[in-house]
């Protein structure tokens, strides 16, 4: 387990974002599928390594922001 990063918080953010994906409009289907695949992959890696890299954390934040924009 990494004591220097917020991997557990990032996992929680990913899980919350994954719950929002079904709420995206139909016209966002391609986006939703892409984000779902990427978030699941990052979630799996973080879970296995109990660590999150800065680029992963940035990518997750960007995907969450994009989901939020679609849901506005």
Protein backbone atom coordinates (compact mmCIF):
# COMPACT_ATOMS: atom_id res chain seq x y z
CA UNK A 1 0.00 0.00 0.00
CA UNK A 2 1.23 3.46 -0.88
CA UNK A 3 1.15 5.90 2.00
CA UNK A 4 2.15 8.80 -0.25
CA UNK A 5 -0.80 8.89 -2.65
CA UNK A 6 -4.56 9.10 -2.44
CA UNK A 7 -5.27 5.86 -4.31
CA UNK A 8 -8.32 4.99 -2.21
CA UNK A 9 -9.89 8.38 -2.87
CA UNK A 10 -9.27 7.98 -6.59
CA UNK A 11 -10.91 4.53 -6.51
CA UNK A 12 -13.97 6.04 -4.81
CA UNK A 13 -14.09 8.80 -7.44
CA UNK A 14 -13.88 6.23 -10.25
CA UNK A 15 -16.68 4.15 -8.71
CA UNK A 16 -18.88 7.23 -8.40
CA UNK A 17 -18.14 8.21 -12.02
CA UNK A 18 -18.94 4.70 -13.26
CA UNK A 19 -22.34 4.96 -11.55
CA UNK A 20 -23.04 8.17 -13.52
CA UNK A 21 -22.24 6.74 -16.96
CA UNK A 22 -25.72 5.21 -17.49
CA UNK A 23 -27.17 8.70 -16.93
CA UNK A 24 -25.34 10.14 -19.93
CA UNK A 25 -27.49 11.07 -22.92
CA UNK A 26 -27.77 8.67 -25.83
CA UNK A 27 -25.75 10.99 -28.07
CA UNK A 28 -22.81 10.46 -25.66
CA UNK A 29 -22.79 6.68 -26.18
CA UNK A 30 -19.34 6.52 -27.80
CA UNK A 31 -17.90 8.78 -25.12
CA UNK A 32 -19.57 6.72 -22.40
CA UNK A 33 -18.19 3.45 -23.74
CA UNK A 34 -14.68 4.88 -24.01
CA UNK A 35 -14.70 6.42 -20.54
CA UNK A 36 -16.18 3.25 -19.03
CA UNK A 37 -13.38 1.15 -20.52
CA UNK A 38 -10.64 3.54 -19.43
CA UNK A 39 -11.98 4.03 -15.90
CA UNK A 40 -12.38 0.28 -15.40
CA UNK A 41 -8.82 -0.30 -16.58
CA UNK A 42 -7.39 2.37 -14.30
CA UNK A 43 -9.51 1.08 -11.40
CA UNK A 44 -8.15 -2.43 -11.91
CA UNK A 45 -4.53 -1.23 -12.00
CA UNK A 46 -4.92 0.94 -8.90
CA UNK A 47 -6.62 -1.89 -7.01
CA UNK A 48 -3.86 -4.35 -7.89
CA UNK A 49 -1.04 -1.93 -7.05
CA UNK A 50 -2.65 0.05 -4.21
CA UNK A 51 -1.12 3.11 -5.81
CA UNK A 52 -2.15 5.81 -8.28
CA UNK A 53 0.23 7.68 -10.55
CA UNK A 54 -0.08 11.39 -11.15
CA UNK A 55 -1.00 10.87 -14.83
CA UNK A 56 -3.71 8.40 -13.82
CA UNK A 57 -5.08 10.82 -11.24
CA UNK A 58 -5.12 13.60 -13.84
CA UNK A 59 -6.82 11.37 -16.43
CA UNK A 60 -9.50 10.33 -13.94
CA UNK A 61 -10.15 13.96 -12.96
CA UNK A 62 -10.44 14.95 -16.63
CA UNK A 63 -12.88 12.12 -17.39
CA UNK A 64 -15.00 13.00 -14.37
CA UNK A 65 -15.07 16.65 -15.46
CA UNK A 66 -16.19 15.56 -18.94
CA UNK A 67 -18.95 13.37 -17.49
CA UNK A 68 -20.09 16.32 -15.38
CA UNK A 69 -20.21 18.56 -18.46
CA UNK A 70 -22.38 16.04 -20.30
CA UNK A 71 -24.75 15.88 -17.33
CA UNK A 72 -25.15 19.65 -16.96
